[in-house]
C-alpha cells in the first residue's frame, strides 16, 4: 500500500489526483494539505471523492503526524517548493507537477535528495503525449535549428512561459547551436510582440478561458516547415504520468526532473 498526501485537493489538478487515488487499488490517501478547512475531512467537502482523510492547514504538522510515503503536489511554484522541501526533510518522497521553479530551487532540491537519499520527481508536464512532443522536438531540432514555441493555457495559470515550454527549449538547446533567428534589424513596434527570447528561440504564451494545456513547436527550413503539437483536453490526461511517477519515485534515491527520464 502506498500512503499518499495530496497538496491542494480542492484545485482542478488536485481533485483529479484524489480521483486517481480513489480508483487505484494500492493507493491510500492519508491526508491533505490545504490552507482552508483545517481539521475537516475530504469527504466533508462537496464535489470531492468520498475519501476519509484529514485536511491540514499547516504542512509541517501533516508531515509530522501522518505516516506517508509520497507527496503529490500540483499547486503553485512558491507553495510547491515549500512543500517539496518539507516532504524531503520529513522522509516523504515528493511527486510535483508544479512548473515555475527557478534553477536555484531545483539545485537545492537536488542537493536535499542526495542528503536524504530519497527519490523526488518534478515534471513540468505529466501528460505522456506532451513528454513525447518534447522528445520529438529535440530530435527535430538537430535538422531544423530555426524554431519557435507557442504554448496556450487557461487564463488562471500564473507562470509564463509554461514549465513545459521552458523544458522544451532546454531540450532543444542540448542539440542546437546558439542562433539569433529572424532579420538582424528586426524591430518590435509593440514591445513583446516577438515573445520571450531563449537562446535565439522565441517562446509565445497565450492565456485564454476554455483552454487546458496546449503547445506547438514550429520549425522552419528552406522550402518546408514542421509542426509538432500536443493538446490536453481534460486534466485526466496528466494522471497516467502522475501514477507512473508515484510508482517509480519509491524505487529511486535521486532527483528526477522531467517525466521523460522515467519512460523506457
C-alpha atoms as a PDB file:
ATOM      1  CA  UNK A   1       0.000   0.000   0.000  1.00  0.00           C
ATOM      2  CA  UNK A   2       1.253   3.482  -0.932  1.00  0.00           C
ATOM      3  CA  UNK A   3       0.276   6.123   1.622  1.00  0.00           C
ATOM      4  CA  UNK A   4      -0.160   9.490  -0.073  1.00  0.00           C
ATOM      5  CA  UNK A   5      -0.563  13.124   0.975  1.00  0.00           C
ATOM      6  CA  UNK A   6      -2.121  15.460  -1.602  1.00  0.00           C
ATOM      7  CA  UNK A   7      -1.441  19.193  -1.508  1.00  0.00           C
ATOM      8  CA  UNK A   8      -4.148  21.416  -2.953  1.00  0.00           C
ATOM      9  CA  UNK A   9      -7.020  18.914  -3.003  1.00  0.00           C
ATOM     10  CA  UNK A  10      -9.650  21.497  -3.989  1.00  0.00           C
ATOM     11  CA  UNK A  11      -7.776  22.566  -7.099  1.00  0.00           C
ATOM     12  CA  UNK A  12      -8.612  21.219 -10.525  1.00  0.00           C
ATOM     13  CA  UNK A  13      -5.440  19.138 -10.684  1.00  0.00           C
ATOM     14  CA  UNK A  14      -5.520  18.208  -7.006  1.00  0.00           C
ATOM     15  CA  UNK A  15      -9.058  16.883  -7.227  1.00  0.00           C
ATOM     16  CA  UNK A  16      -8.056  14.737 -10.208  1.00  0.00           C
ATOM     17  CA  UNK A  17      -5.229  13.325  -8.100  1.00  0.00           C
ATOM     18  CA  UNK A  18      -7.795  12.399  -5.424  1.00  0.00           C
ATOM     19  CA  UNK A  19      -9.834  10.545  -8.050  1.00  0.00           C
ATOM     20  CA  UNK A  20      -6.685   8.744  -9.186  1.00  0.00           C
ATOM     21  CA  UNK A  21      -6.095   7.570  -5.616  1.00  0.00           C
ATOM     22  CA  UNK A  22      -9.736   6.553  -5.249  1.00  0.00           C
ATOM     23  CA  UNK A  23      -9.617   4.257  -8.284  1.00  0.00           C
ATOM     24  CA  UNK A  24      -6.131   2.816  -7.702  1.00  0.00           C
ATOM     25  CA  UNK A  25      -6.253  -0.337  -5.595  1.00  0.00           C
ATOM     26  CA  UNK A  26      -2.922   0.001  -3.773  1.00  0.00           C
ATOM     27  CA  UNK A  27      -3.112   3.765  -3.130  1.00  0.00           C
ATOM     28  CA  UNK A  28      -4.400   5.245   0.116  1.00  0.00           C
ATOM     29  CA  UNK A  29      -4.972   8.910   0.881  1.00  0.00           C
ATOM     30  CA  UNK A  30      -3.762   9.555   4.430  1.00  0.00           C
ATOM     31  CA  UNK A  31      -4.176  13.333   4.461  1.00  0.00           C
ATOM     32  CA  UNK A  32      -4.277  16.590   2.515  1.00  0.00           C
ATOM     33  CA  UNK A  33      -2.650  19.991   2.798  1.00  0.00           C
ATOM     34  CA  UNK A  34      -4.959  22.952   2.203  1.00  0.00           C
ATOM     35  CA  UNK A  35      -4.940  26.499   3.534  1.00  0.00           C
ATOM     36  CA  UNK A  36      -8.686  26.178   4.258  1.00  0.00           C
ATOM     37  CA  UNK A  37     -10.866  23.647   6.116  1.00  0.00           C
ATOM     38  CA  UNK A  38      -8.237  22.711   8.711  1.00  0.00           C
ATOM     39  CA  UNK A  39      -9.365  19.681  10.727  1.00  0.00           C
ATOM     40  CA  UNK A  40     -12.151  18.714   8.329  1.00  0.00           C
ATOM     41  CA  UNK A  41     -12.133  15.587   6.194  1.00  0.00           C
ATOM     42  CA  UNK A  42     -12.093  15.381   2.414  1.00  0.00           C
ATOM     43  CA  UNK A  43     -15.462  13.627   2.420  1.00  0.00           C
ATOM     44  CA  UNK A  44     -16.912  16.657   4.255  1.00  0.00           C
ATOM     45  CA  UNK A  45     -16.385  18.819   1.157  1.00  0.00           C
ATOM     46  CA  UNK A  46     -18.692  18.905  -1.848  1.00  0.00           C
ATOM     47  CA  UNK A  47     -17.630  17.671  -5.288  1.00  0.00           C
ATOM     48  CA  UNK A  48     -14.663  15.699  -3.959  1.00  0.00           C
ATOM     49  CA  UNK A  49     -14.273  11.894  -3.708  1.00  0.00           C
ATOM     50  CA  UNK A  50     -15.634  10.107  -0.659  1.00  0.00           C
ATOM     51  CA  UNK A  51     -12.236   9.666   0.987  1.00  0.00           C
ATOM     52  CA  UNK A  52     -11.809   9.688   4.757  1.00  0.00           C
ATOM     53  CA  UNK A  53      -8.671  11.774   5.184  1.00  0.00           C
ATOM     54  CA  UNK A  54      -7.988  14.825   7.326  1.00  0.00           C
ATOM     55  CA  UNK A  55      -7.123  18.240   5.945  1.00  0.00           C
ATOM     56  CA  UNK A  56      -4.158  20.128   7.442  1.00  0.00           C
ATOM     57  CA  UNK A  57      -3.617  23.861   7.051  1.00  0.00           C
ATOM     58  CA  UNK A  58      -0.075  23.537   8.422  1.00  0.00           C
ATOM     59  CA  UNK A  59       2.138  21.414   6.118  1.00  0.00           C
ATOM     60  CA  UNK A  60       4.710  20.660   8.818  1.00  0.00           C
ATOM     61  CA  UNK A  61       2.000  19.258  11.079  1.00  0.00           C
ATOM     62  CA  UNK A  62       0.775  16.997   8.284  1.00  0.00           C
ATOM     63  CA  UNK A  63       4.233  15.580   7.608  1.00  0.00           C
ATOM     64  CA  UNK A  64       4.923  15.045  11.301  1.00  0.00           C
ATOM     65  CA  UNK A  65       1.608  13.384  12.185  1.00  0.00           C
ATOM     66  CA  UNK A  66       0.950  11.307   9.068  1.00  0.00           C
ATOM     67  CA  UNK A  67       2.752   8.170   8.008  1.00  0.00           C
ATOM     68  CA  UNK A  68       3.184   8.917   4.324  1.00  0.00           C
ATOM     69  CA  UNK A  69       5.312   7.506   1.542  1.00  0.00           C
ATOM     70  CA  UNK A  70       4.629  10.059  -1.193  1.00  0.00           C
ATOM     71  CA  UNK A  71       3.506  13.667  -1.512  1.00  0.00           C
ATOM     72  CA  UNK A  72       1.582  14.641  -4.653  1.00  0.00           C
ATOM     73  CA  UNK A  73       1.809  18.404  -5.135  1.00  0.00           C
ATOM     74  CA  UNK A  74       0.051  20.082  -8.050  1.00  0.00           C
ATOM     75  CA  UNK A  75      -0.230  23.589  -6.600  1.00  0.00           C
ATOM     76  CA  UNK A  76       1.807  26.722  -7.360  1.00  0.00           C
ATOM     77  CA  UNK A  77       5.575  27.323  -7.661  1.00  0.00           C
ATOM     78  CA  UNK A  78       6.001  29.094  -4.309  1.00  0.00           C
ATOM     79  CA  UNK A  79       3.874  26.659  -2.301  1.00  0.00           C
ATOM     80  CA  UNK A  80       5.107  23.636  -4.226  1.00  0.00           C
ATOM     81  CA  UNK A  81       8.729  24.468  -3.461  1.00  0.00           C
ATOM     82  CA  UNK A  82       7.967  24.794   0.260  1.00  0.00           C
ATOM     83  CA  UNK A  83       6.046  21.508   0.305  1.00  0.00           C
ATOM     84  CA  UNK A  84       8.806  19.701  -1.598  1.00  0.00           C
ATOM     85  CA  UNK A  85      11.462  20.765   0.898  1.00  0.00           C
ATOM     86  CA  UNK A  86       9.284  19.868   3.888  1.00  0.00           C
ATOM     87  CA  UNK A  87       8.450  16.479   2.397  1.00  0.00           C
ATOM     88  CA  UNK A  88      12.092  15.561   1.878  1.00  0.00           C
ATOM     89  CA  UNK A  89      13.085  16.846   5.312  1.00  0.00           C
ATOM     90  CA  UNK A  90      10.421  14.539   6.800  1.00  0.00           C
ATOM     91  CA  UNK A  91      11.336  11.461   4.758  1.00  0.00           C
ATOM     92  CA  UNK A  92       8.468  11.707   2.255  1.00  0.00           C
ATOM     93  CA  UNK A  93       9.149  11.367  -1.467  1.00  0.00           C
ATOM     94  CA  UNK A  94       7.629  14.234  -3.479  1.00  0.00           C
ATOM     95  CA  UNK A  95       5.949  13.984  -6.879  1.00  0.00           C
ATOM     96  CA  UNK A  96       5.488  17.546  -8.081  1.00  0.00           C
ATOM     97  CA  UNK A  97       3.689  18.783 -11.173  1.00  0.00           C
ATOM     98  CA  UNK A  98       4.105  22.456 -10.426  1.00  0.00           C
ATOM     99  CA  UNK A  99       6.014  24.413 -13.062  1.00  0.00           C
ATOM    100  CA  UNK A 100       7.867  27.662 -12.487  1.00  0.00           C
ATOM    101  CA  UNK A 101      10.699  26.562 -10.173  1.00  0.00           C
ATOM    102  CA  UNK A 102      13.909  28.554 -10.563  1.00  0.00           C
ATOM    103  CA  UNK A 103      17.165  26.814 -11.414  1.00  0.00           C
ATOM    104  CA  UNK A 104      18.411  27.686  -7.918  1.00  0.00           C
ATOM    105  CA  UNK A 105      15.398  25.991  -6.342  1.00  0.00           C
ATOM    106  CA  UNK A 106      15.887  22.889  -8.478  1.00  0.00           C
ATOM    107  CA  UNK A 107      19.549  22.760  -7.423  1.00  0.00           C
ATOM    108  CA  UNK A 108      18.542  22.992  -3.762  1.00  0.00           C
ATOM    109  CA  UNK A 109      16.021  20.171  -4.167  1.00  0.00           C
ATOM    110  CA  UNK A 110      18.623  18.003  -5.870  1.00  0.00           C
ATOM    111  CA  UNK A 111      21.079  18.586  -3.024  1.00  0.00           C
ATOM    112  CA  UNK A 112      18.398  17.737  -0.466  1.00  0.00           C
ATOM    113  CA  UNK A 113      17.502  14.458  -2.205  1.00  0.00           C
ATOM    114  CA  UNK A 114      21.180  13.499  -2.132  1.00  0.00           C
ATOM    115  CA  UNK A 115      21.477  14.337   1.561  1.00  0.00           C
ATOM    116  CA  UNK A 116      18.326  12.400   2.471  1.00  0.00           C
ATOM    117  CA  UNK A 117      18.918   9.603  -0.082  1.00  0.00           C
ATOM    118  CA  UNK A 118      15.324   9.908  -1.232  1.00  0.00           C
ATOM    119  CA  UNK A 119      13.680   9.979  -4.625  1.00  0.00           C
ATOM    120  CA  UNK A 120      11.916  13.090  -5.935  1.00  0.00           C
ATOM    121  CA  UNK A 121      10.180  13.711  -9.243  1.00  0.00           C
ATOM    122  CA  UNK A 122       9.386  17.146 -10.632  1.00  0.00           C
ATOM    123  CA  UNK A 123       7.730  17.181 -14.035  1.00  0.00           C
ATOM    124  CA  UNK A 124       6.725  20.320 -15.926  1.00  0.00           C
ATOM    125  CA  UNK A 125       4.094  18.166 -17.633  1.00  0.00           C
ATOM    126  CA  UNK A 126       2.680  14.796 -16.603  1.00  0.00           C
ATOM    127  CA  UNK A 127       0.866  14.124 -19.882  1.00  0.00           C
ATOM    128  CA  UNK A 128       2.768  11.337 -21.651  1.00  0.00           C
ATOM    129  CA  UNK A 129       1.879  12.835 -25.037  1.00  0.00           C
ATOM    130  CA  UNK A 130       3.403  16.161 -24.030  1.00  0.00           C
ATOM    131  CA  UNK A 131       6.591  14.411 -22.927  1.00  0.00           C
ATOM    132  CA  UNK A 132       6.806  12.662 -26.296  1.00  0.00           C
ATOM    133  CA  UNK A 133       6.192  16.003 -28.025  1.00  0.00           C
ATOM    134  CA  UNK A 134       9.214  17.455 -26.204  1.00  0.00           C
ATOM    135  CA  UNK A 135      11.387  14.487 -27.146  1.00  0.00           C
ATOM    136  CA  UNK A 136      10.318  14.657 -30.804  1.00  0.00           C
ATOM    137  CA  UNK A 137      11.096  18.386 -30.803  1.00  0.00           C
ATOM    138  CA  UNK A 138      14.596  17.742 -29.509  1.00  0.00           C
ATOM    139  CA  UNK A 139      15.157  15.194 -32.276  1.00  0.00           C
ATOM    140  CA  UNK A 140      13.826  17.543 -34.960  1.00  0.00           C
ATOM    141  CA  UNK A 141      15.977  20.455 -33.765  1.00  0.00           C
ATOM    142  CA  UNK A 142      19.102  18.632 -34.948  1.00  0.00           C
ATOM    143  CA  UNK A 143      17.900  19.224 -38.500  1.00  0.00           C
ATOM    144  CA  UNK A 144      15.748  22.356 -38.079  1.00  0.00           C
ATOM    145  CA  UNK A 145      17.602  24.916 -35.936  1.00  0.00           C
ATOM    146  CA  UNK A 146      15.034  27.668 -36.637  1.00  0.00           C
ATOM    147  CA  UNK A 147      12.233  27.111 -34.151  1.00  0.00           C
ATOM    148  CA  UNK A 148       9.535  28.939 -32.232  1.00  0.00           C
ATOM    149  CA  UNK A 149       7.326  27.654 -29.419  1.00  0.00           C
ATOM    150  CA  UNK A 150       3.699  28.625 -28.864  1.00  0.00           C
ATOM    151  CA  UNK A 151       2.153  27.458 -25.599  1.00  0.00           C
ATOM    152  CA  UNK A 152      -1.508  28.025 -24.735  1.00  0.00           C
ATOM    153  CA  UNK A 153      -3.106  27.620 -21.315  1.00  0.00           C
ATOM    154  CA  UNK A 154      -6.153  28.644 -19.311  1.00  0.00           C
ATOM    155  CA  UNK A 155      -6.237  32.217 -18.063  1.00  0.00           C
ATOM    156  CA  UNK A 156      -5.735  31.248 -14.400  1.00  0.00           C
ATOM    157  CA  UNK A 157      -2.211  29.929 -14.970  1.00  0.00           C
ATOM    158  CA  UNK A 158       0.297  32.026 -13.019  1.00  0.00           C
ATOM    159  CA  UNK A 159       3.624  31.420 -14.770  1.00  0.00           C
ATOM    160  CA  UNK A 160       4.547  32.364 -18.312  1.00  0.00           C
ATOM    161  CA  UNK A 161       6.061  30.792 -20.245  1.00  0.00           C
ATOM    162  CA  UNK A 162       4.896  27.415 -19.020  1.00  0.00           C
ATOM    163  CA  UNK A 163       7.282  24.919 -17.487  1.00  0.00           C
ATOM    164  CA  UNK A 164       6.678  22.669 -20.479  1.00  0.00           C
ATOM    165  CA  UNK A 165       7.766  25.404 -22.895  1.00  0.00           C
ATOM    166  CA  UNK A 166      10.879  26.143 -20.838  1.00  0.00           C
ATOM    167  CA  UNK A 167      11.729  22.443 -20.633  1.00  0.00           C
ATOM    168  CA  UNK A 168      11.203  22.079 -24.394  1.00  0.00           C
ATOM    169  CA  UNK A 169      13.592  24.952 -25.056  1.00  0.00           C
ATOM    170  CA  UNK A 170      16.175  23.432 -22.702  1.00  0.00           C
ATOM    171  CA  UNK A 171      15.991  20.096 -24.509  1.00  0.00           C
ATOM    172  CA  UNK A 172      16.371  21.806 -27.872  1.00  0.00           C
ATOM    173  CA  UNK A 173      19.375  23.785 -26.614  1.00  0.00           C
ATOM    174  CA  UNK A 174      21.155  20.482 -25.928  1.00  0.00           C
ATOM    175  CA  UNK A 175      21.336  19.755 -29.673  1.00  0.00           C
ATOM    176  CA  UNK A 176      21.041  23.205 -31.267  1.00  0.00           C
ATOM    177  CA  UNK A 177      23.838  25.713 -31.640  1.00  0.00           C
ATOM    178  CA  UNK A 178      23.011  29.196 -30.395  1.00  0.00           C
ATOM    179  CA  UNK A 179      21.419  31.168 -33.186  1.00  0.00           C
ATOM    180  CA  UNK A 180      19.669  34.520 -33.464  1.00  0.00           C
ATOM    181  CA  UNK A 181      16.617  33.980 -35.645  1.00  0.00           C
ATOM    182  CA  UNK A 182      14.871  36.436 -37.932  1.00  0.00           C
ATOM    183  CA  UNK A 183      16.181  39.547 -39.636  1.00  0.00           C
ATOM    184  CA  UNK A 184      19.204  41.117 -37.877  1.00  0.00           C
ATOM    185  CA  UNK A 185      17.493  44.510 -37.983  1.00  0.00           C
ATOM    186  CA  UNK A 186      14.147  43.231 -36.769  1.00  0.00           C
ATOM    187  CA  UNK A 187      12.346  45.744 -34.532  1.00  0.00           C
ATOM    188  CA  UNK A 188       9.290  45.289 -32.321  1.00  0.00           C
ATOM    189  CA  UNK A 189       6.842  48.120 -32.951  1.00  0.00           C
ATOM    190  CA  UNK A 190       4.967  46.850 -29.895  1.00  0.00           C
ATOM    191  CA  UNK A 191       7.275  45.619 -27.078  1.00  0.00           C
ATOM    192  CA  UNK A 192       6.978  41.883 -26.545  1.00  0.00           C
ATOM    193  CA  UNK A 193       5.447  41.185 -29.951  1.00  0.00           C
ATOM    194  CA  UNK A 194       8.103  38.589 -30.767  1.00  0.00           C
ATOM    195  CA  UNK A 195       7.759  36.800 -27.427  1.00  0.00           C
ATOM    196  CA  UNK A 196      10.448  35.732 -24.988  1.00  0.00           C
ATOM    197  CA  UNK A 197      13.957  35.176 -26.332  1.00  0.00           C
ATOM    198  CA  UNK A 198      15.622  31.970 -25.171  1.00  0.00           C
ATOM    199  CA  UNK A 199      18.994  31.379 -26.831  1.00  0.00           C
ATOM    200  CA  UNK A 200      17.641  32.921 -30.035  1.00  0.00           C
ATOM    201  CA  UNK A 201      14.412  30.909 -29.969  1.00  0.00           C
ATOM    202  CA  UNK A 202      11.118  32.697 -29.439  1.00  0.00           C
ATOM    203  CA  UNK A 203       8.535  31.490 -26.924  1.00  0.00           C
ATOM    204  CA  UNK A 204       4.979  32.822 -27.043  1.00  0.00           C
ATOM    205  CA  UNK A 205       2.427  32.408 -24.250  1.00  0.00           C
ATOM    206  CA  UNK A 206      -1.345  32.520 -24.815  1.00  0.00           C
ATOM    207  CA  UNK A 207      -3.769  32.705 -21.865  1.00  0.00           C
ATOM    208  CA  UNK A 208      -7.494  32.324 -22.571  1.00  0.00           C
ATOM    209  CA  UNK A 209     -10.518  30.859 -20.789  1.00  0.00           C
ATOM    210  CA  UNK A 210     -11.579  27.469 -22.143  1.00  0.00           C
ATOM    211  CA  UNK A 211      -8.051  26.241 -22.770  1.00  0.00           C
ATOM    212  CA  UNK A 212      -6.396  23.490 -20.725  1.00  0.00           C
ATOM    213  CA  UNK A 213      -2.794  22.902 -21.897  1.00  0.00           C
ATOM    214  CA  UNK A 214      -1.584  23.084 -25.496  1.00  0.00           C
ATOM    215  CA  UNK A 215       1.772  23.530 -27.176  1.00  0.00           C
ATOM    216  CA  UNK A 216       3.125  23.789 -30.714  1.00  0.00           C
ATOM    217  CA  UNK A 217       6.790  23.620 -31.627  1.00  0.00           C
ATOM    218  CA  UNK A 218       7.154  25.131 -35.098  1.00  0.00           C
ATOM    219  CA  UNK A 219      10.272  24.503 -37.178  1.00  0.00           C
ATOM    220  CA  UNK A 220      11.120  26.316 -40.417  1.00  0.00           C
ATOM    221  CA  UNK A 221      13.545  25.279 -43.135  1.00  0.00           C
ATOM    222  CA  UNK A 222      14.210  26.125 -46.746  1.00  0.00           C
ATOM    223  CA  UNK A 223      11.008  25.361 -48.618  1.00  0.00           C
ATOM    224  CA  UNK A 224       9.437  23.380 -45.757  1.00  0.00           C
ATOM    225  CA  UNK A 225       8.065  23.520 -42.250  1.00  0.00           C
ATOM    226  CA  UNK A 226       7.408  21.064 -39.448  1.00  0.00           C
ATOM    227  CA  UNK A 227       4.959  21.456 -36.556  1.00  0.00           C
ATOM    228  CA  UNK A 228       4.880  19.166 -33.531  1.00  0.00           C
ATOM    229  CA  UNK A 229       1.755  19.714 -31.459  1.00  0.00           C
ATOM    230  CA  UNK A 230       0.171  18.347 -28.305  1.00  0.00           C
ATOM    231  CA  UNK A 231      -3.215  19.115 -26.731  1.00  0.00           C
ATOM    232  CA  UNK A 232      -4.606  18.212 -23.331  1.00  0.00           C
ATOM    233  CA  UNK A 233      -8.395  18.445 -23.465  1.00  0.00           C
ATOM    234  CA  UNK A 234      -9.003  17.236 -19.906  1.00  0.00           C
ATOM    235  CA  UNK A 235      -6.912  17.170 -16.746  1.00  0.00           C
ATOM    236  CA  UNK A 236      -7.271  13.405 -16.645  1.00  0.00           C
ATOM    237  CA  UNK A 237      -4.585  13.431 -19.347  1.00  0.00           C
ATOM    238  CA  UNK A 238      -1.996  14.163 -16.655  1.00  0.00           C
ATOM    239  CA  UNK A 239      -2.935  11.338 -14.304  1.00  0.00           C
ATOM    240  CA  UNK A 240      -1.192   8.485 -16.146  1.00  0.00           C
ATOM    241  CA  UNK A 241       2.067  10.371 -15.714  1.00  0.00           C
ATOM    242  CA  UNK A 242       1.333  11.123 -12.062  1.00  0.00           C
ATOM    243  CA  UNK A 243       0.721   7.422 -11.430  1.00  0.00           C
ATOM    244  CA  UNK A 244       3.953   6.486 -13.200  1.00  0.00           C
ATOM    245  CA  UNK A 245       5.867   8.983 -11.065  1.00  0.00           C
ATOM    246  CA  UNK A 246       4.274   7.801  -7.796  1.00  0.00           C
ATOM    247  CA  UNK A 247       5.147   4.199  -8.621  1.00  0.00           C
ATOM    248  CA  UNK A 248       8.704   4.948  -9.727  1.00  0.00           C
ATOM    249  CA  UNK A 249       9.700   7.514  -7.080  1.00  0.00           C
ATOM    250  CA  UNK A 250       9.657   4.772  -4.456  1.00  0.00           C
ATOM    251  CA  UNK A 251      12.321   2.829  -6.371  1.00  0.00           C
ATOM    252  CA  UNK A 252      14.842   5.642  -6.795  1.00  0.00           C
ATOM    253  CA  UNK A 253      17.085   7.634  -4.459  1.00  0.00           C
ATOM    254  CA  UNK A 254      17.748  10.591  -6.706  1.00  0.00           C
ATOM    255  CA  UNK A 255      16.182  13.738  -8.135  1.00  0.00           C
ATOM    256  CA  UNK A 256      14.427  13.352 -11.495  1.00  0.00           C
ATOM    257  CA  UNK A 257      13.400  16.441 -13.459  1.00  0.00           C
ATOM    258  CA  UNK A 258      11.107  15.575 -16.356  1.00  0.00           C
ATOM    259  CA  UNK A 259       8.849  12.592 -16.867  1.00  0.00           C
ATOM    260  CA  UNK A 260      10.850  11.543 -19.927  1.00  0.00           C
ATOM    261  CA  UNK A 261      13.546  10.253 -17.567  1.00  0.00           C
ATOM    262  CA  UNK A 262      11.102   7.661 -16.244  1.00  0.00           C
ATOM    263  CA  UNK A 263       9.915   6.433 -19.644  1.00  0.00           C
ATOM    264  CA  UNK A 264      11.597   3.438 -21.240  1.00  0.00           C
END
